[in-house]
Amino acid sequence: MAKVFFTSNLRRHVDCATAEAEGATVGEVLARIFATQERLGFYVLDEQGRLRKHMMVLIDGGRVKDRDKLTDPVAASSEIYVMQALSGG
């Protein structure tokens, strides 16, 4: 199962602990987690299921490429990091 980590900055806004879930894509993995944590799902994804602009997801150290459909492949040993994309100066 892929392991999903949520940064401490995100945990300040939404209660979310590190979790594990199965899935062939990042979208499938996150859907399994969000099925039990709806508020977290609404914070990370928009109404069409796309990654919100202020969010970033890394899979095994690389940015997710498909922010719309979340079809990036995930291995059983993958580590997924979900965080807020901070900007500013």
Foldseek 3Di string as FASTA:
>chain_A
DEKEQEDPVVCVVAPDHIDAADDFFPLVGVVVVCVVVVVSQCVQAPPQRFGDPQKWKDKQRHTQDGRRRRGHTHDNHIYMYIYTRDDDD
